[in-house]
Structures are given as structure tokens and as C-alpha cells.
PDB file of N, CA and C in Angstrom:
ATOM      1  N   UNK A   1      20.889  -3.566  74.654  1.00  0.00           N
ATOM      2  CA  UNK A   1      21.843  -2.778  73.916  1.00  0.00           C
ATOM      3  C   UNK A   1      22.728  -2.009  74.898  1.00  0.00           C
ATOM      4  N   UNK A   2      24.012  -2.177  74.766  1.00  0.00           N
ATOM      5  CA  UNK A   2      24.971  -1.511  75.642  1.00  0.00           C
ATOM      6  C   UNK A   2      25.527  -0.295  74.907  1.00  0.00           C
ATOM      7  N   UNK A   3      25.491   0.850  75.566  1.00  0.00           N
ATOM      8  CA  UNK A   3      25.964   2.093  74.964  1.00  0.00           C
ATOM      9  C   UNK A   3      27.209   2.539  75.717  1.00  0.00           C
ATOM     10  N   UNK A   4      28.304   2.758  74.992  1.00  0.00           N
ATOM     11  CA  UNK A   4      29.516   3.237  75.643  1.00  0.00           C
ATOM     12  C   UNK A   4      30.316   4.122  74.703  1.00  0.00           C
ATOM     13  N   UNK A   5      31.195   4.915  75.282  1.00  0.00           N
ATOM     14  CA  UNK A   5      32.144   5.740  74.534  1.00  0.00           C
ATOM     15  C   UNK A   5      33.535   5.404  75.028  1.00  0.00           C
ATOM     16  N   UNK A   6      34.483   5.409  74.123  1.00  0.00           N
ATOM     17  CA  UNK A   6      35.865   5.129  74.494  1.00  0.00           C
ATOM     18  C   UNK A   6      36.002   3.763  75.129  1.00  0.00           C
ATOM     19  N   UNK A   7      36.678   3.739  76.264  1.00  0.00           N
ATOM     20  CA  UNK A   7      36.891   2.485  76.985  1.00  0.00           C
ATOM     21  C   UNK A   7      35.877   2.286  78.113  1.00  0.00           C
ATOM     22  N   UNK A   8      34.740   2.946  78.051  1.00  0.00           N
ATOM     23  CA  UNK A   8      33.724   2.842  79.092  1.00  0.00           C
ATOM     24  C   UNK A   8      33.225   1.430  79.326  1.00  0.00           C
ATOM     25  N   UNK A   9      33.270   0.603  78.293  1.00  0.00           N
ATOM     26  CA  UNK A   9      32.822  -0.788  78.415  1.00  0.00           C
ATOM     27  C   UNK A   9      33.680  -1.557  79.422  1.00  0.00           C
ATOM     28  N   UNK A  10      34.885  -1.051  79.694  1.00  0.00           N
ATOM     29  CA  UNK A  10      35.760  -1.720  80.662  1.00  0.00           C
ATOM     30  C   UNK A  10      35.128  -1.796  82.052  1.00  0.00           C
ATOM     31  N   UNK A  11      34.271  -0.851  82.391  1.00  0.00           N
ATOM     32  CA  UNK A  11      33.606  -0.902  83.703  1.00  0.00           C
ATOM     33  C   UNK A  11      32.821  -2.199  83.839  1.00  0.00           C
ATOM     34  N   UNK A  12      32.104  -2.563  82.800  1.00  0.00           N
ATOM     35  CA  UNK A  12      31.321  -3.801  82.804  1.00  0.00           C
ATOM     36  C   UNK A  12      32.228  -5.027  82.771  1.00  0.00           C
ATOM     37  N   UNK A  13      33.250  -4.979  81.939  1.00  0.00           N
ATOM     38  CA  UNK A  13      34.178  -6.109  81.809  1.00  0.00           C
ATOM     39  C   UNK A  13      34.909  -6.360  83.129  1.00  0.00           C
ATOM     40  N   UNK A  14      35.384  -5.294  83.756  1.00  0.00           N
ATOM     41  CA  UNK A  14      36.101  -5.421  85.034  1.00  0.00           C
ATOM     42  C   UNK A  14      35.179  -6.006  86.103  1.00  0.00           C
ATOM     43  N   UNK A  15      33.958  -5.487  86.195  1.00  0.00           N
ATOM     44  CA  UNK A  15      33.019  -5.960  87.219  1.00  0.00           C
ATOM     45  C   UNK A  15      32.680  -7.434  87.025  1.00  0.00           C
ATOM     46  N   UNK A  16      32.420  -7.832  85.790  1.00  0.00           N
ATOM     47  CA  UNK A  16      32.067  -9.233  85.530  1.00  0.00           C
ATOM     48  C   UNK A  16      33.261 -10.148  85.784  1.00  0.00           C
ATOM     49  N   UNK A  17      34.433  -9.756  85.300  1.00  0.00           N
ATOM     50  CA  UNK A  17      35.619 -10.609  85.443  1.00  0.00           C
ATOM     51  C   UNK A  17      36.004 -10.794  86.911  1.00  0.00           C
ATOM     52  N   UNK A  18      36.111  -9.704  87.652  1.00  0.00           N
ATOM     53  CA  UNK A  18      36.505  -9.809  89.058  1.00  0.00           C
ATOM     54  C   UNK A  18      35.411 -10.491  89.872  1.00  0.00           C
ATOM     55  N   UNK A  19      34.152 -10.187  89.580  1.00  0.00           N
ATOM     56  CA  UNK A  19      33.045 -10.838  90.283  1.00  0.00           C
ATOM     57  C   UNK A  19      33.033 -12.340  90.067  1.00  0.00           C
ATOM     58  N   UNK A  20      33.262 -12.758  88.825  1.00  0.00           N
ATOM     59  CA  UNK A  20      33.286 -14.196  88.522  1.00  0.00           C
ATOM     60  C   UNK A  20      34.464 -14.885  89.207  1.00  0.00           C
ATOM     61  N   UNK A  21      35.635 -14.244  89.161  1.00  0.00           N
ATOM     62  CA  UNK A  21      36.822 -14.843  89.784  1.00  0.00           C
ATOM     63  C   UNK A  21      36.667 -14.981  91.297  1.00  0.00           C
ATOM     64  N   UNK A  22      36.167 -13.945  91.941  1.00  0.00           N
ATOM     65  CA  UNK A  22      36.029 -14.029  93.399  1.00  0.00           C
ATOM     66  C   UNK A  22      34.908 -14.988  93.798  1.00  0.00           C
ATOM     67  N   UNK A  23      33.824 -15.027  93.035  1.00  0.00           N
ATOM     68  CA  UNK A  23      32.751 -15.994  93.327  1.00  0.00           C
ATOM     69  C   UNK A  23      33.274 -17.415  93.223  1.00  0.00           C
ATOM     70  N   UNK A  24      34.035 -17.673  92.175  1.00  0.00           N
ATOM     71  CA  UNK A  24      34.610 -19.007  91.978  1.00  0.00           C
ATOM     72  C   UNK A  24      35.583 -19.344  93.106  1.00  0.00           C
ATOM     73  N   UNK A  25      36.454 -18.393  93.433  1.00  0.00           N
ATOM     74  CA  UNK A  25      37.450 -18.624  94.484  1.00  0.00           C
ATOM     75  C   UNK A  25      36.776 -18.875  95.834  1.00  0.00           C
ATOM     76  N   UNK A  26      35.763 -18.091  96.164  1.00  0.00           N
ATOM     77  CA  UNK A  26      35.078 -18.265  97.442  1.00  0.00           C
ATOM     78  C   UNK A  26      34.324 -19.583  97.490  1.00  0.00           C
ATOM     79  N   UNK A  27      33.755 -20.019  96.361  1.00  0.00           N
ATOM     80  CA  UNK A  27      33.048 -21.307  96.356  1.00  0.00           C
ATOM     81  C   UNK A  27      34.028 -22.462  96.522  1.00  0.00           C
ATOM     82  N   UNK A  28      35.244 -22.312  96.007  1.00  0.00           N
ATOM     83  CA  UNK A  28      36.249 -23.368  96.128  1.00  0.00           C
ATOM     84  C   UNK A  28      36.806 -23.484  97.544  1.00  0.00           C
ATOM     85  N   UNK A  29      36.804 -22.393  98.301  1.00  0.00           N
ATOM     86  CA  UNK A  29      37.313 -22.468  99.675  1.00  0.00           C
ATOM     87  C   UNK A  29      36.207 -22.797 100.671  1.00  0.00           C
ATOM     88  N   UNK A  30      35.013 -23.097 100.151  1.00  0.00           N
ATOM     89  CA  UNK A  30      33.927 -23.532 101.016  1.00  0.00           C
ATOM     90  C   UNK A  30      33.025 -22.426 101.514  1.00  0.00           C
ATOM     91  N   UNK A  31      33.208 -21.233 101.005  1.00  0.00           N
ATOM     92  CA  UNK A  31      32.350 -20.128 101.404  1.00  0.00           C
ATOM     93  C   UNK A  31      31.231 -19.966 100.375  1.00  0.00           C
ATOM     94  N   UNK A  32      30.333 -19.060 100.638  1.00  0.00           N
ATOM     95  CA  UNK A  32      29.217 -18.840  99.725  1.00  0.00           C
ATOM     96  C   UNK A  32      29.630 -17.992  98.521  1.00  0.00           C
ATOM     97  N   UNK A  33      29.040 -18.290  97.375  1.00  0.00           N
ATOM     98  CA  UNK A  33      29.325 -17.513  96.169  1.00  0.00           C
ATOM     99  C   UNK A  33      28.831 -16.082  96.317  1.00  0.00           C
ATOM    100  N   UNK A  34      27.768 -15.881  97.108  1.00  0.00           N
ATOM    101  CA  UNK A  34      27.258 -14.529  97.332  1.00  0.00           C
ATOM    102  C   UNK A  34      28.305 -13.655  98.020  1.00  0.00           C
ATOM    103  N   UNK A  35      29.019 -14.227  98.967  1.00  0.00           N
ATOM    104  CA  UNK A  35      30.087 -13.485  99.631  1.00  0.00           C
ATOM    105  C   UNK A  35      31.196 -13.170  98.635  1.00  0.00           C
ATOM    106  N   UNK A  36      31.506 -14.117  97.774  1.00  0.00           N
ATOM    107  CA  UNK A  36      32.505 -13.885  96.732  1.00  0.00           C
ATOM    108  C   UNK A  36      32.084 -12.788  95.775  1.00  0.00           C
ATOM    109  N   UNK A  37      30.807 -12.780  95.404  1.00  0.00           N
ATOM    110  CA  UNK A  37      30.296 -11.735  94.513  1.00  0.00           C
ATOM    111  C   UNK A  37      30.350 -10.367  95.195  1.00  0.00           C
ATOM    112  N   UNK A  38      30.033 -10.324  96.485  1.00  0.00           N
ATOM    113  CA  UNK A  38      30.075  -9.064  97.234  1.00  0.00           C
ATOM    114  C   UNK A  38      31.497  -8.522  97.305  1.00  0.00           C
ATOM    115  N   UNK A  39      32.426  -9.386  97.657  1.00  0.00           N
ATOM    116  CA  UNK A  39      33.835  -8.974  97.726  1.00  0.00           C
ATOM    117  C   UNK A  39      34.325  -8.571  96.336  1.00  0.00           C
ATOM    118  N   UNK A  40      33.927  -9.330  95.327  1.00  0.00           N
ATOM    119  CA  UNK A  40      34.304  -9.013  93.950  1.00  0.00           C
ATOM    120  C   UNK A  40      33.778  -7.662  93.505  1.00  0.00           C
ATOM    121  N   UNK A  41      32.546  -7.344  93.879  1.00  0.00           N
ATOM    122  CA  UNK A  41      31.976  -6.047  93.516  1.00  0.00           C
ATOM    123  C   UNK A  41      32.728  -4.910  94.199  1.00  0.00           C
ATOM    124  N   UNK A  42      33.102  -5.113  95.455  1.00  0.00           N
ATOM    125  CA  UNK A  42      33.842  -4.073  96.170  1.00  0.00           C
ATOM    126  C   UNK A  42      35.244  -3.883  95.590  1.00  0.00           C
ATOM    127  N   UNK A  43      35.901  -4.970  95.243  1.00  0.00           N
ATOM    128  CA  UNK A  43      37.221  -4.871  94.605  1.00  0.00           C
ATOM    129  C   UNK A  43      37.081  -4.230  93.229  1.00  0.00           C
ATOM    130  N   UNK A  44      36.056  -4.631  92.488  1.00  0.00           N
ATOM    131  CA  UNK A  44      35.802  -4.058  91.162  1.00  0.00           C
ATOM    132  C   UNK A  44      35.593  -2.556  91.247  1.00  0.00           C
ATOM    133  N   UNK A  45      34.856  -2.121  92.264  1.00  0.00           N
ATOM    134  CA  UNK A  45      34.593  -0.693  92.423  1.00  0.00           C
ATOM    135  C   UNK A  45      35.894   0.091  92.564  1.00  0.00           C
ATOM    136  N   UNK A  46      36.817  -0.443  93.332  1.00  0.00           N
ATOM    137  CA  UNK A  46      38.110   0.230  93.512  1.00  0.00           C
ATOM    138  C   UNK A  46      38.875   0.277  92.192  1.00  0.00           C
ATOM    139  N   UNK A  47      38.921  -0.846  91.494  1.00  0.00           N
ATOM    140  CA  UNK A  47      39.646  -0.915  90.220  1.00  0.00           C
ATOM    141  C   UNK A  47      39.010   0.021  89.193  1.00  0.00           C
ATOM    142  N   UNK A  48      37.682   0.023  89.113  1.00  0.00           N
ATOM    143  CA  UNK A  48      36.984   0.883  88.154  1.00  0.00           C
ATOM    144  C   UNK A  48      37.236   2.353  88.470  1.00  0.00           C
ATOM    145  N   UNK A  49      37.256   2.714  89.748  1.00  0.00           N
ATOM    146  CA  UNK A  49      37.519   4.104  90.138  1.00  0.00           C
ATOM    147  C   UNK A  49      38.914   4.538  89.677  1.00  0.00           C
ATOM    148  N   UNK A  50      39.899   3.698  89.938  1.00  0.00           N
ATOM    149  CA  UNK A  50      41.280   4.035  89.572  1.00  0.00           C
ATOM    150  C   UNK A  50      41.430   4.129  88.051  1.00  0.00           C
ATOM    151  N   UNK A  51      40.946   3.118  87.338  1.00  0.00           N
ATOM    152  CA  UNK A  51      41.078   3.097  85.876  1.00  0.00           C
ATOM    153  C   UNK A  51      40.273   4.237  85.254  1.00  0.00           C
ATOM    154  N   UNK A  52      39.056   4.464  85.732  1.00  0.00           N
ATOM    155  CA  UNK A  52      38.222   5.536  85.194  1.00  0.00           C
ATOM    156  C   UNK A  52      38.840   6.906  85.392  1.00  0.00           C
ATOM    157  N   UNK A  53      39.389   7.155  86.577  1.00  0.00           N
ATOM    158  CA  UNK A  53      40.048   8.442  86.820  1.00  0.00           C
ATOM    159  C   UNK A  53      41.280   8.612  85.946  1.00  0.00           C
ATOM    160  N   UNK A  54      41.994   7.531  85.718  1.00  0.00           N
ATOM    161  CA  UNK A  54      43.182   7.589  84.866  1.00  0.00           C
ATOM    162  C   UNK A  54      42.788   7.903  83.416  1.00  0.00           C
ATOM    163  N   UNK A  55      41.764   7.201  82.914  1.00  0.00           N
ATOM    164  CA  UNK A  55      41.353   7.391  81.524  1.00  0.00           C
ATOM    165  C   UNK A  55      40.680   8.739  81.286  1.00  0.00           C
ATOM    166  N   UNK A  56      39.887   9.215  82.233  1.00  0.00           N
ATOM    167  CA  UNK A  56      39.161  10.478  82.071  1.00  0.00           C
ATOM    168  C   UNK A  56      39.894  11.658  82.706  1.00  0.00           C
ATOM    169  N   UNK A  57      41.182  11.521  82.901  1.00  0.00           N
ATOM    170  CA  UNK A  57      41.981  12.560  83.540  1.00  0.00           C
ATOM    171  C   UNK A  57      41.936  13.870  82.741  1.00  0.00           C
ATOM    172  N   UNK A  58      41.727  14.999  83.431  1.00  0.00           N
ATOM    173  CA  UNK A  58      41.757  16.293  82.739  1.00  0.00           C
ATOM    174  C   UNK A  58      43.115  16.579  82.098  1.00  0.00           C
ATOM    175  N   UNK A  59      44.156  15.929  82.583  1.00  0.00           N
ATOM    176  CA  UNK A  59      45.487  16.129  82.004  1.00  0.00           C
ATOM    177  C   UNK A  59      45.561  15.599  80.576  1.00  0.00           C
ATOM    178  N   UNK A  60      44.630  14.717  80.211  1.00  0.00           N
ATOM    179  CA  UNK A  60      44.622  14.161  78.864  1.00  0.00           C
ATOM    180  C   UNK A  60      43.829  15.017  77.876  1.00  0.00           C
ATOM    181  N   UNK A  61      43.267  16.129  78.335  1.00  0.00           N
ATOM    182  CA  UNK A  61      42.529  17.028  77.450  1.00  0.00           C
ATOM    183  C   UNK A  61      43.497  17.661  76.453  1.00  0.00           C
ATOM    184  N   UNK A  62      43.002  17.841  75.226  1.00  0.00           N
ATOM    185  CA  UNK A  62      43.837  18.436  74.177  1.00  0.00           C
ATOM    186  C   UNK A  62      43.171  19.705  73.672  1.00  0.00           C
ATOM    187  N   UNK A  63      43.983  20.719  73.438  1.00  0.00           N
ATOM    188  CA  UNK A  63      43.476  21.968  72.886  1.00  0.00           C
ATOM    189  C   UNK A  63      43.857  22.027  71.421  1.00  0.00           C
ATOM    190  N   UNK A  64      42.849  22.289  70.574  1.00  0.00           N
ATOM    191  CA  UNK A  64      43.071  22.380  69.131  1.00  0.00           C
ATOM    192  C   UNK A  64      42.526  23.714  68.643  1.00  0.00           C
ATOM    193  N   UNK A  65      42.966  24.107  67.464  1.00  0.00           N
ATOM    194  CA  UNK A  65      42.502  25.349  66.869  1.00  0.00           C
ATOM    195  C   UNK A  65      41.636  25.007  65.660  1.00  0.00           C
ATOM    196  N   UNK A  66      40.417  25.553  65.651  1.00  0.00           N
ATOM    197  CA  UNK A  66      39.508  25.371  64.522  1.00  0.00           C
ATOM    198  C   UNK A  66      40.035  26.201  63.357  1.00  0.00           C
ATOM    199  N   UNK A  67      40.295  25.571  62.217  1.00  0.00           N
ATOM    200  CA  UNK A  67      40.887  26.264  61.068  1.00  0.00           C
ATOM    201  C   UNK A  67      39.968  27.343  60.507  1.00  0.00           C
ATOM    202  N   UNK A  68      38.666  27.120  60.536  1.00  0.00           N
ATOM    203  CA  UNK A  68      37.736  28.087  59.960  1.00  0.00           C
ATOM    204  C   UNK A  68      37.576  29.327  60.821  1.00  0.00           C
ATOM    205  N   UNK A  69      37.474  29.153  62.124  1.00  0.00           N
ATOM    206  CA  UNK A  69      37.204  30.295  63.004  1.00  0.00           C
ATOM    207  C   UNK A  69      38.441  30.786  63.749  1.00  0.00           C
ATOM    208  N   UNK A  70      39.474  29.966  63.819  1.00  0.00           N
ATOM    209  CA  UNK A  70      40.659  30.327  64.577  1.00  0.00           C
ATOM    210  C   UNK A  70      40.452  30.213  66.080  1.00  0.00           C
ATOM    211  N   UNK A  71      39.331  29.667  66.491  1.00  0.00           N
ATOM    212  CA  UNK A  71      38.992  29.547  67.904  1.00  0.00           C
ATOM    213  C   UNK A  71      39.584  28.264  68.484  1.00  0.00           C
ATOM    214  N   UNK A  72      40.062  28.375  69.729  1.00  0.00           N
ATOM    215  CA  UNK A  72      40.595  27.196  70.409  1.00  0.00           C
ATOM    216  C   UNK A  72      39.453  26.333  70.937  1.00  0.00           C
ATOM    217  N   UNK A  73      39.598  25.026  70.754  1.00  0.00           N
ATOM    218  CA  UNK A  73      38.606  24.066  71.221  1.00  0.00           C
ATOM    219  C   UNK A  73      39.331  23.036  72.078  1.00  0.00           C
ATOM    220  N   UNK A  74      38.812  22.790  73.282  1.00  0.00           N
ATOM    221  CA  UNK A  74      39.403  21.789  74.164  1.00  0.00           C
ATOM    222  C   UNK A  74      38.601  20.499  74.054  1.00  0.00           C
ATOM    223  N   UNK A  75      39.295  19.423  73.734  1.00  0.00           N
ATOM    224  CA  UNK A  75      38.667  18.105  73.623  1.00  0.00           C
ATOM    225  C   UNK A  75      39.086  17.295  74.845  1.00  0.00           C
ATOM    226  N   UNK A  76      38.088  16.937  75.658  1.00  0.00           N
ATOM    227  CA  UNK A  76      38.353  16.180  76.885  1.00  0.00           C
ATOM    228  C   UNK A  76      38.068  14.706  76.635  1.00  0.00           C
ATOM    229  N   UNK A  77      38.790  13.818  77.312  1.00  0.00           N
ATOM    230  CA  UNK A  77      38.507  12.387  77.148  1.00  0.00           C
ATOM    231  C   UNK A  77      37.125  12.050  77.714  1.00  0.00           C
ATOM    232  N   UNK A  78      36.451  11.123  77.056  1.00  0.00           N
ATOM    233  CA  UNK A  78      35.126  10.712  77.519  1.00  0.00           C
ATOM    234  C   UNK A  78      35.002   9.201  77.399  1.00  0.00           C
ATOM    235  N   UNK A  79      35.185   8.536  78.502  1.00  0.00           N
ATOM    236  CA  UNK A  79      35.034   7.085  78.566  1.00  0.00           C
ATOM    237  C   UNK A  79      33.831   6.829  79.471  1.00  0.00           C
ATOM    238  N   UNK A  80      32.706   6.453  78.861  1.00  0.00           N
ATOM    239  CA  UNK A  80      31.470   6.316  79.624  1.00  0.00           C
ATOM    240  C   UNK A  80      30.700   5.067  79.212  1.00  0.00           C
ATOM    241  N   UNK A  81      29.839   4.633  80.117  1.00  0.00           N
ATOM    242  CA  UNK A  81      28.955   3.492  79.896  1.00  0.00           C
ATOM    243  C   UNK A  81      27.547   3.960  80.243  1.00  0.00           C
ATOM    244  N   UNK A  82      26.628   3.860  79.304  1.00  0.00           N
ATOM    245  CA  UNK A  82      25.263   4.366  79.473  1.00  0.00           C
ATOM    246  C   UNK A  82      25.281   5.824  79.935  1.00  0.00           C
ATOM    247  N   UNK A  83      26.116   6.631  79.300  1.00  0.00           N
ATOM    248  CA  UNK A  83      26.216   8.070  79.520  1.00  0.00           C
ATOM    249  C   UNK A  83      26.715   8.443  80.917  1.00  0.00           C
ATOM    250  N   UNK A  84      27.237   7.486  81.663  1.00  0.00           N
ATOM    251  CA  UNK A  84      27.815   7.740  82.987  1.00  0.00           C
ATOM    252  C   UNK A  84      29.316   7.503  82.874  1.00  0.00           C
ATOM    253  N   UNK A  85      30.110   8.515  83.267  1.00  0.00           N
ATOM    254  CA  UNK A  85      31.563   8.368  83.181  1.00  0.00           C
ATOM    255  C   UNK A  85      32.022   7.134  83.946  1.00  0.00           C
ATOM    256  N   UNK A  86      33.059   6.526  83.412  1.00  0.00           N
ATOM    257  CA  UNK A  86      33.516   5.235  83.922  1.00  0.00           C
ATOM    258  C   UNK A  86      33.772   5.242  85.428  1.00  0.00           C
ATOM    259  N   UNK A  87      34.450   6.263  85.938  1.00  0.00           N
ATOM    260  CA  UNK A  87      34.815   6.258  87.354  1.00  0.00           C
ATOM    261  C   UNK A  87      33.591   6.323  88.267  1.00  0.00           C
ATOM    262  N   UNK A  88      32.480   6.870  87.785  1.00  0.00           N
ATOM    263  CA  UNK A  88      31.286   6.958  88.625  1.00  0.00           C
ATOM    264  C   UNK A  88      30.551   5.625  88.727  1.00  0.00           C
ATOM    265  N   UNK A  89      30.846   4.695  87.823  1.00  0.00           N
ATOM    266  CA  UNK A  89      30.300   3.350  87.945  1.00  0.00           C
ATOM    267  C   UNK A  89      30.839   2.664  89.198  1.00  0.00           C
ATOM    268  N   UNK A  90      31.966   3.133  89.713  1.00  0.00           N
ATOM    269  CA  UNK A  90      32.528   2.556  90.938  1.00  0.00           C
ATOM    270  C   UNK A  90      31.538   2.674  92.097  1.00  0.00           C
ATOM    271  N   UNK A  91      30.810   3.784  92.174  1.00  0.00           N
ATOM    272  CA  UNK A  91      29.836   3.966  93.254  1.00  0.00           C
ATOM    273  C   UNK A  91      28.651   3.013  93.092  1.00  0.00           C
ATOM    274  N   UNK A  92      28.225   2.816  91.853  1.00  0.00           N
ATOM    275  CA  UNK A  92      27.095   1.916  91.591  1.00  0.00           C
ATOM    276  C   UNK A  92      27.482   0.474  91.914  1.00  0.00           C
ATOM    277  N   UNK A  93      28.642   0.045  91.413  1.00  0.00           N
ATOM    278  CA  UNK A  93      29.114  -1.323  91.661  1.00  0.00           C
ATOM    279  C   UNK A  93      29.404  -1.513  93.153  1.00  0.00           C
ATOM    280  N   UNK A  94      29.983  -0.509  93.787  1.00  0.00           N
ATOM    281  CA  UNK A  94      30.253  -0.583  95.224  1.00  0.00           C
ATOM    282  C   UNK A  94      28.974  -0.710  96.034  1.00  0.00           C
ATOM    283  N   UNK A  95      27.927   0.016  95.637  1.00  0.00           N
ATOM    284  CA  UNK A  95      26.638  -0.081  96.330  1.00  0.00           C
ATOM    285  C   UNK A  95      26.044  -1.479  96.173  1.00  0.00           C
ATOM    286  N   UNK A  96      26.173  -2.045  94.986  1.00  0.00           N
ATOM    287  CA  UNK A  96      25.700  -3.417  94.767  1.00  0.00           C
ATOM    288  C   UNK A  96      26.467  -4.378  95.675  1.00  0.00           C
ATOM    289  N   UNK A  97      27.776  -4.176  95.776  1.00  0.00           N
ATOM    290  CA  UNK A  97      28.596  -5.011  96.655  1.00  0.00           C
ATOM    291  C   UNK A  97      28.172  -4.908  98.110  1.00  0.00           C
ATOM    292  N   UNK A  98      27.872  -3.689  98.563  1.00  0.00           N
ATOM    293  CA  UNK A  98      27.424  -3.512  99.950  1.00  0.00           C
ATOM    294  C   UNK A  98      26.077  -4.183 100.200  1.00  0.00           C
ATOM    295  N   UNK A  99      25.164  -4.078  99.230  1.00  0.00           N
ATOM    296  CA  UNK A  99      23.859  -4.737  99.367  1.00  0.00           C
ATOM    297  C   UNK A  99      24.044  -6.253  99.458  1.00  0.00           C
ATOM    298  N   UNK A 100      24.906  -6.802  98.606  1.00  0.00           N
ATOM    299  CA  UNK A 100      25.175  -8.246  98.657  1.00  0.00           C
ATOM    300  C   UNK A 100      25.815  -8.644  99.986  1.00  0.00           C
ATOM    301  N   UNK A 101      26.721  -7.807 100.474  1.00  0.00           N
ATOM    302  CA  UNK A 101      27.380  -8.085 101.751  1.00  0.00           C
ATOM    303  C   UNK A 101      26.368  -8.080 102.902  1.00  0.00           C
ATOM    304  N   UNK A 102      25.453  -7.129 102.888  1.00  0.00           N
ATOM    305  CA  UNK A 102      24.406  -7.073 103.911  1.00  0.00           C
ATOM    306  C   UNK A 102      23.501  -8.299 103.803  1.00  0.00           C
ATOM    307  N   UNK A 103      23.179  -8.688 102.568  1.00  0.00           N
ATOM    308  CA  UNK A 103      22.340  -9.880 102.353  1.00  0.00           C
ATOM    309  C   UNK A 103      23.004 -11.120 102.948  1.00  0.00           C
ATOM    310  N   UNK A 104      24.304 -11.267 102.713  1.00  0.00           N
ATOM    311  CA  UNK A 104      25.034 -12.418 103.257  1.00  0.00           C
ATOM    312  C   UNK A 104      25.068 -12.352 104.781  1.00  0.00           C
ATOM    313  N   UNK A 105      25.268 -11.154 105.327  1.00  0.00           N
ATOM    314  CA  UNK A 105      25.332 -11.006 106.784  1.00  0.00           C
ATOM    315  C   UNK A 105      23.990 -11.314 107.443  1.00  0.00           C
ATOM    316  N   UNK A 106      22.901 -10.924 106.800  1.00  0.00           N
ATOM    317  CA  UNK A 106      21.570 -11.124 107.379  1.00  0.00           C
ATOM    318  C   UNK A 106      21.084 -12.559 107.202  1.00  0.00           C
ATOM    319  N   UNK A 107      21.262 -13.085 105.987  1.00  0.00           N
ATOM    320  CA  UNK A 107      20.715 -14.413 105.681  1.00  0.00           C
ATOM    321  C   UNK A 107      21.717 -15.540 105.861  1.00  0.00           C
ATOM    322  N   UNK A 108      22.972 -15.218 106.022  1.00  0.00           N
ATOM    323  CA  UNK A 108      23.985 -16.255 106.214  1.00  0.00           C
ATOM    324  C   UNK A 108      24.300 -16.993 104.931  1.00  0.00           C
ATOM    325  N   UNK A 109      24.782 -18.207 105.077  1.00  0.00           N
ATOM    326  CA  UNK A 109      25.211 -19.029 103.948  1.00  0.00           C
ATOM    327  C   UNK A 109      23.990 -19.583 103.223  1.00  0.00           C
ATOM    328  N   UNK A 110      23.740 -19.079 102.000  1.00  0.00           N
ATOM    329  CA  UNK A 110      22.574 -19.538 101.239  1.00  0.00           C
ATOM    330  C   UNK A 110      22.923 -20.639 100.256  1.00  0.00           C
ATOM    331  N   UNK A 111      24.192 -21.063 100.233  1.00  0.00           N
ATOM    332  CA  UNK A 111      24.604 -22.080  99.258  1.00  0.00           C
ATOM    333  C   UNK A 111      24.310 -23.498  99.719  1.00  0.00           C
ATOM    334  N   UNK A 112      24.025 -23.710 100.997  1.00  0.00           N
ATOM    335  CA  UNK A 112      23.778 -25.077 101.479  1.00  0.00           C
ATOM    336  C   UNK A 112      22.314 -25.366 101.663  1.00  0.00           C
TER     337      UNK A 112
END
């Protein structure tokens, strides 16, 4: 079960889409798919950071007045996946990319 608010699901969609594209591209040029997945994860992390910061920008917060109490209430944007704001998924995806990159560097080409 995937839990998200707003456009938080985009973190997963971006990571899968870019990871699949780079894995495919790297396999077509004769490199290992693991290297493609690592590069894809690192690129995804950058894209997720930029998109997440844009969507969760404090500038998008809205102030409203509660009719019953007359008190001002600030509503901030919340785009999250598994209760983690979208832009912070960039660190998780980036760490996965670094682990994959280290795996490729240590073990070499595992596709042959």
C-alpha cells in the first residue's frame, strides 16, 4: 500500500521512469544495467529535489480566516510519500544511487 499526499507519488514515478530509461539506454550502449540504474537514481534525486522544493515551497502557503473564531490559519502545501516530504526522497534515492555506483565499481560488469 502506497501512502501519499498531493503530488508526493511523483517521487516514485520520477525515480522509476528515469531509472528505467537510463538502465535501458546503458544496456543498449553495451554498458551494465546496474550502472544505468545508478546514474538514473542520481539524476532522479536531482529532479525530485527540484520538483519537491517547487511543490512544497513556503511561498505557496495560504492564509485563511476561520469564520467561527476569526483566527488566521496558514495552510502550507504538503506533497509527501510515506509521510516524508517529496524533496527529502531525493536523499534516499541519491543514497541508493551511490550504493549501486559503489557496487558497480567494486564488482565491475555483472551483466556478462
